[in-house]
N, C-alpha and C. Protein backbone atom coordinates (compact mmCIF):
# COMPACT_ATOMS: atom_id res chain seq x y z
N MET A 1 88.06 118.05 106.68
CA MET A 1 87.51 116.72 106.65
C MET A 1 88.07 115.93 105.48
N LYS A 2 88.27 116.57 104.33
CA LYS A 2 88.82 115.84 103.19
C LYS A 2 90.23 115.35 103.50
N THR A 3 91.00 116.14 104.26
CA THR A 3 92.34 115.71 104.65
C THR A 3 92.26 114.44 105.49
N PHE A 4 91.30 114.39 106.41
CA PHE A 4 91.11 113.20 107.23
C PHE A 4 90.80 111.98 106.37
N ILE A 5 89.88 112.14 105.44
CA ILE A 5 89.48 111.03 104.57
C ILE A 5 90.65 110.59 103.69
N LEU A 6 91.38 111.55 103.12
CA LEU A 6 92.52 111.19 102.29
C LEU A 6 93.57 110.45 103.10
N THR A 7 93.79 110.87 104.34
CA THR A 7 94.72 110.18 105.21
C THR A 7 94.23 108.76 105.48
N LEU A 8 92.95 108.63 105.75
CA LEU A 8 92.34 107.33 106.00
C LEU A 8 92.52 106.40 104.81
N VAL A 9 92.23 106.90 103.62
CA VAL A 9 92.37 106.10 102.40
C VAL A 9 93.82 105.71 102.17
N PHE A 10 94.73 106.65 102.42
CA PHE A 10 96.15 106.36 102.26
C PHE A 10 96.60 105.27 103.21
N LEU A 11 96.19 105.37 104.48
CA LEU A 11 96.57 104.37 105.47
C LEU A 11 96.02 103.00 105.12
N ALA A 12 94.78 102.94 104.66
CA ALA A 12 94.19 101.66 104.28
C ALA A 12 94.94 101.05 103.11
N GLY A 13 95.32 101.88 102.15
CA GLY A 13 96.04 101.38 100.99
C GLY A 13 97.48 101.02 101.28
N SER A 14 98.09 101.70 102.24
CA SER A 14 99.50 101.44 102.54
C SER A 14 99.69 100.19 103.37
N ALA A 15 98.61 99.59 103.85
CA ALA A 15 98.72 98.38 104.65
C ALA A 15 99.32 97.22 103.87
N VAL A 16 99.38 97.34 102.55
CA VAL A 16 99.86 96.26 101.69
C VAL A 16 101.38 96.16 101.69
N PHE A 17 102.09 97.24 101.88
CA PHE A 17 103.53 97.26 101.72
C PHE A 17 104.25 96.48 102.81
N ALA A 18 105.37 95.85 102.43
CA ALA A 18 106.27 95.14 103.34
C ALA A 18 105.58 93.99 104.06
N GLN A 19 104.75 93.26 103.38
CA GLN A 19 104.06 92.13 103.96
C GLN A 19 104.20 90.92 103.05
N GLU A 20 104.02 89.75 103.63
CA GLU A 20 104.02 88.53 102.83
C GLU A 20 102.81 88.54 101.91
N LYS A 21 103.00 88.09 100.68
CA LYS A 21 101.93 88.16 99.69
C LYS A 21 101.67 86.77 99.11
N GLU A 22 100.39 86.45 98.93
CA GLU A 22 99.98 85.19 98.32
C GLU A 22 99.16 85.53 97.08
N VAL A 23 99.47 84.91 95.97
CA VAL A 23 98.77 85.16 94.71
C VAL A 23 98.22 83.84 94.19
N VAL A 24 96.91 83.80 93.93
CA VAL A 24 96.26 82.60 93.40
C VAL A 24 95.55 82.99 92.11
N ARG A 25 95.94 82.38 91.01
CA ARG A 25 95.34 82.70 89.72
C ARG A 25 94.13 81.80 89.46
N THR A 26 93.06 82.41 88.95
CA THR A 26 91.88 81.67 88.53
C THR A 26 91.73 81.88 87.03
N ASP A 27 90.62 81.44 86.45
CA ASP A 27 90.43 81.60 85.01
C ASP A 27 90.46 83.06 84.58
N LYS A 28 89.82 83.94 85.34
CA LYS A 28 89.69 85.34 84.92
C LYS A 28 90.35 86.34 85.86
N THR A 29 90.52 85.98 87.13
CA THR A 29 91.06 86.93 88.09
C THR A 29 92.26 86.36 88.82
N VAL A 30 92.91 87.25 89.57
CA VAL A 30 94.00 86.86 90.45
C VAL A 30 93.58 87.26 91.86
N LYS A 31 93.58 86.30 92.78
CA LYS A 31 93.25 86.60 94.17
C LYS A 31 94.55 86.98 94.88
N ILE A 32 94.53 88.16 95.51
CA ILE A 32 95.69 88.67 96.22
C ILE A 32 95.38 88.65 97.72
N SER A 33 96.29 88.08 98.50
CA SER A 33 96.18 88.12 99.96
C SER A 33 97.53 88.54 100.50
N THR A 34 97.54 89.52 101.40
CA THR A 34 98.78 89.92 102.06
C THR A 34 98.60 89.67 103.56
N TYR A 35 99.73 89.46 104.23
CA TYR A 35 99.69 89.08 105.64
C TYR A 35 100.58 89.98 106.48
N HIS A 36 100.15 90.23 107.71
CA HIS A 36 100.98 90.95 108.68
C HIS A 36 102.15 90.06 109.08
N ASP A 37 103.16 90.65 109.71
CA ASP A 37 104.33 89.89 110.16
C ASP A 37 103.96 88.75 111.10
N ASN A 38 102.85 88.89 111.84
CA ASN A 38 102.45 87.84 112.78
C ASN A 38 101.61 86.73 112.11
N GLY A 39 101.43 86.82 110.78
CA GLY A 39 100.70 85.79 110.04
C GLY A 39 99.22 86.08 109.84
N GLU A 40 98.68 87.10 110.52
CA GLU A 40 97.26 87.46 110.34
C GLU A 40 97.05 88.08 108.96
N LEU A 41 95.91 87.80 108.37
CA LEU A 41 95.55 88.37 107.08
C LEU A 41 95.50 89.89 107.18
N ALA A 42 96.15 90.58 106.27
CA ALA A 42 96.17 92.05 106.26
C ALA A 42 95.19 92.60 105.23
N GLN A 43 95.15 91.98 104.04
CA GLN A 43 94.30 92.49 102.97
C GLN A 43 94.02 91.36 101.99
N SER A 44 92.81 91.38 101.41
CA SER A 44 92.49 90.39 100.39
C SER A 44 91.53 90.99 99.37
N GLY A 45 91.67 90.52 98.15
CA GLY A 45 90.80 90.96 97.07
C GLY A 45 91.25 90.33 95.77
N HIS A 46 90.62 90.74 94.67
CA HIS A 46 90.94 90.20 93.35
C HIS A 46 91.41 91.30 92.41
N GLN A 47 92.15 90.88 91.41
CA GLN A 47 92.54 91.76 90.31
C GLN A 47 92.08 91.13 89.01
N PHE A 48 91.69 91.99 88.09
CA PHE A 48 91.29 91.57 86.75
C PHE A 48 92.07 92.44 85.77
N LYS A 49 92.85 91.80 84.92
CA LYS A 49 93.71 92.49 83.97
C LYS A 49 94.60 93.52 84.66
N GLY A 50 95.15 93.12 85.83
CA GLY A 50 96.11 93.96 86.54
C GLY A 50 95.51 95.08 87.38
N LYS A 51 94.18 95.16 87.45
CA LYS A 51 93.53 96.22 88.22
C LYS A 51 92.68 95.59 89.32
N ASN A 52 92.65 96.26 90.49
CA ASN A 52 91.79 95.78 91.56
C ASN A 52 90.36 95.73 91.07
N HIS A 53 89.66 94.63 91.40
CA HIS A 53 88.30 94.45 90.89
C HIS A 53 87.52 93.57 91.87
N GLY A 54 86.38 94.06 92.30
CA GLY A 54 85.56 93.31 93.25
C GLY A 54 85.78 93.79 94.67
N ILE A 55 85.33 92.98 95.61
CA ILE A 55 85.40 93.33 97.03
C ILE A 55 86.84 93.19 97.54
N TRP A 56 87.30 94.23 98.25
CA TRP A 56 88.59 94.21 98.93
C TRP A 56 88.35 94.46 100.40
N GLN A 57 89.10 93.75 101.24
CA GLN A 57 88.98 93.91 102.68
C GLN A 57 90.37 94.04 103.30
N SER A 58 90.47 94.86 104.35
CA SER A 58 91.71 95.03 105.09
C SER A 58 91.46 94.70 106.55
N TYR A 59 92.50 94.18 107.22
CA TYR A 59 92.40 93.77 108.62
C TYR A 59 93.59 94.30 109.40
N ASP A 60 93.38 94.56 110.70
CA ASP A 60 94.51 94.95 111.54
C ASP A 60 95.29 93.70 111.93
N ASN A 61 96.39 93.88 112.67
CA ASN A 61 97.23 92.72 113.00
C ASN A 61 96.63 91.81 114.07
N GLN A 62 95.43 92.16 114.56
CA GLN A 62 94.70 91.29 115.49
C GLN A 62 93.62 90.48 114.76
N GLY A 63 93.46 90.73 113.45
CA GLY A 63 92.46 90.02 112.66
C GLY A 63 91.12 90.72 112.56
N ASN A 64 91.00 91.93 113.09
CA ASN A 64 89.75 92.69 113.02
C ASN A 64 89.67 93.43 111.69
N ARG A 65 88.51 93.35 111.05
CA ARG A 65 88.33 94.03 109.77
C ARG A 65 88.35 95.55 110.01
N ILE A 66 89.11 96.26 109.17
CA ILE A 66 89.18 97.71 109.30
C ILE A 66 88.69 98.43 108.04
N THR A 67 88.57 97.72 106.93
CA THR A 67 88.10 98.32 105.69
C THR A 67 87.42 97.27 104.83
N ILE A 68 86.32 97.66 104.18
CA ILE A 68 85.71 96.83 103.15
C ILE A 68 85.16 97.77 102.09
N GLY A 69 85.42 97.43 100.84
CA GLY A 69 84.94 98.24 99.74
C GLY A 69 85.07 97.50 98.43
N GLU A 70 84.61 98.14 97.37
CA GLU A 70 84.60 97.48 96.06
C GLU A 70 85.31 98.33 95.02
N TYR A 71 86.05 97.64 94.18
CA TYR A 71 86.68 98.25 93.00
C TYR A 71 85.98 97.74 91.76
N THR A 72 85.90 98.59 90.75
CA THR A 72 85.46 98.19 89.42
C THR A 72 86.53 98.66 88.45
N ASN A 73 87.24 97.71 87.87
CA ASN A 73 88.33 98.02 86.93
C ASN A 73 89.30 99.05 87.51
N GLY A 74 89.72 98.83 88.77
CA GLY A 74 90.72 99.67 89.40
C GLY A 74 90.20 100.94 90.04
N LYS A 75 88.91 101.20 89.95
CA LYS A 75 88.34 102.42 90.52
C LYS A 75 87.44 102.08 91.70
N LYS A 76 87.55 102.89 92.77
CA LYS A 76 86.69 102.69 93.92
C LYS A 76 85.26 103.03 93.54
N THR A 77 84.33 102.13 93.92
CA THR A 77 82.93 102.35 93.59
C THR A 77 82.06 102.06 94.80
N GLY A 78 80.90 102.66 94.82
CA GLY A 78 79.93 102.36 95.87
C GLY A 78 80.37 102.82 97.24
N THR A 79 79.87 102.14 98.23
CA THR A 79 80.10 102.51 99.62
C THR A 79 81.23 101.68 100.23
N TRP A 80 82.18 102.36 100.83
CA TRP A 80 83.28 101.73 101.55
C TRP A 80 83.06 101.99 103.03
N LEU A 81 83.44 101.03 103.86
CA LEU A 81 83.35 101.18 105.30
C LEU A 81 84.74 101.09 105.92
N PHE A 82 85.03 102.01 106.84
CA PHE A 82 86.30 102.04 107.56
C PHE A 82 85.98 102.00 109.05
N TRP A 83 86.52 101.01 109.78
CA TRP A 83 86.31 100.91 111.22
C TRP A 83 87.49 101.57 111.91
N ILE A 84 87.21 102.59 112.71
CA ILE A 84 88.24 103.31 113.45
C ILE A 84 87.79 103.39 114.90
N ASP A 85 88.48 102.70 115.77
CA ASP A 85 88.10 102.59 117.18
C ASP A 85 86.65 102.13 117.27
N LYS A 86 85.77 102.91 117.86
CA LYS A 86 84.36 102.52 118.00
C LYS A 86 83.48 103.25 116.99
N GLN A 87 84.08 103.74 115.93
CA GLN A 87 83.35 104.51 114.94
C GLN A 87 83.49 103.85 113.57
N VAL A 88 82.44 103.95 112.77
CA VAL A 88 82.47 103.48 111.39
C VAL A 88 82.35 104.70 110.50
N VAL A 89 83.29 104.82 109.56
CA VAL A 89 83.23 105.90 108.58
C VAL A 89 82.75 105.28 107.28
N GLU A 90 81.66 105.79 106.75
CA GLU A 90 81.06 105.31 105.51
C GLU A 90 81.38 106.32 104.42
N VAL A 91 82.11 105.88 103.41
CA VAL A 91 82.53 106.76 102.32
C VAL A 91 81.91 106.23 101.03
N THR A 92 81.14 107.07 100.36
CA THR A 92 80.53 106.67 99.09
C THR A 92 81.33 107.29 97.95
N TYR A 93 81.71 106.45 97.01
CA TYR A 93 82.49 106.89 95.85
C TYR A 93 81.60 106.93 94.62
N GLN A 94 81.81 107.95 93.80
CA GLN A 94 81.14 108.07 92.51
C GLN A 94 82.20 108.52 91.51
N ASP A 95 82.38 107.78 90.45
CA ASP A 95 83.42 108.08 89.46
C ASP A 95 84.80 108.17 90.10
N ASN A 96 85.07 107.27 91.06
CA ASN A 96 86.35 107.16 91.75
C ASN A 96 86.66 108.37 92.65
N LEU A 97 85.66 109.20 92.92
CA LEU A 97 85.82 110.36 93.79
C LEU A 97 84.89 110.24 94.98
N ILE A 98 85.29 110.83 96.10
CA ILE A 98 84.44 110.81 97.29
C ILE A 98 83.21 111.67 97.04
N ALA A 99 82.03 111.06 97.14
CA ALA A 99 80.78 111.78 96.93
C ALA A 99 80.09 112.12 98.24
N GLU A 100 80.26 111.26 99.25
CA GLU A 100 79.59 111.48 100.53
C GLU A 100 80.35 110.76 101.63
N VAL A 101 80.35 111.36 102.82
CA VAL A 101 80.99 110.76 103.99
C VAL A 101 80.00 110.81 105.15
N SER A 102 79.84 109.68 105.83
CA SER A 102 78.99 109.61 107.01
C SER A 102 79.76 108.94 108.13
N TYR A 103 79.47 109.34 109.35
CA TYR A 103 80.11 108.77 110.53
C TYR A 103 79.04 108.09 111.38
N TRP A 104 79.33 106.87 111.81
CA TRP A 104 78.40 106.11 112.64
C TRP A 104 79.10 105.77 113.94
N GLU A 105 78.35 105.86 115.03
CA GLU A 105 78.89 105.49 116.32
C GLU A 105 77.81 104.82 117.15
N ALA A 106 78.13 103.71 117.77
CA ALA A 106 77.20 102.98 118.63
C ALA A 106 75.84 102.76 117.96
N GLY A 107 75.85 102.44 116.66
CA GLY A 107 74.63 102.09 115.94
C GLY A 107 73.79 103.25 115.48
N ALA A 108 74.22 104.49 115.67
CA ALA A 108 73.43 105.65 115.24
C ALA A 108 74.27 106.54 114.34
N LYS A 109 73.63 107.14 113.36
CA LYS A 109 74.32 108.04 112.44
C LYS A 109 74.62 109.34 113.16
N ALA A 110 75.91 109.69 113.25
CA ALA A 110 76.29 110.87 114.03
C ALA A 110 76.40 112.12 113.16
N VAL A 111 77.10 112.02 112.04
CA VAL A 111 77.30 113.16 111.16
C VAL A 111 77.21 112.67 109.74
N ALA A 112 76.61 113.44 108.85
CA ALA A 112 76.48 113.00 107.45
C ALA A 112 76.94 114.10 106.50
N ASN A 113 77.38 113.66 105.33
CA ASN A 113 77.80 114.52 104.22
C ASN A 113 78.98 115.42 104.56
N ASN A 114 79.73 115.77 103.48
CA ASN A 114 80.76 116.78 103.66
C ASN A 114 80.48 117.97 102.85
């Protein structure tokens, strides 16, 4: 199961490569948006002092959200959600490590914890 989750995390993170990128600077953060070749938003979030910080979201090339989660100073924190087909994988991070994994299908919790 850890291999599955690591693969999932890798795929979500690799969605950024080889895409058009838009960078908007604010007073304290930098908003990063990357786009699929067809122009659909692929990923968006903020960086603070060069590290991912705040809510990050990823989308497939049809515009459907496939990942949402939060970074704190470059580390994954709290609960992340991954949409895979008709299933939602809920991954809870603690100290940047996977603490718990739950699978949801059709509105009901199917399997919990690893």
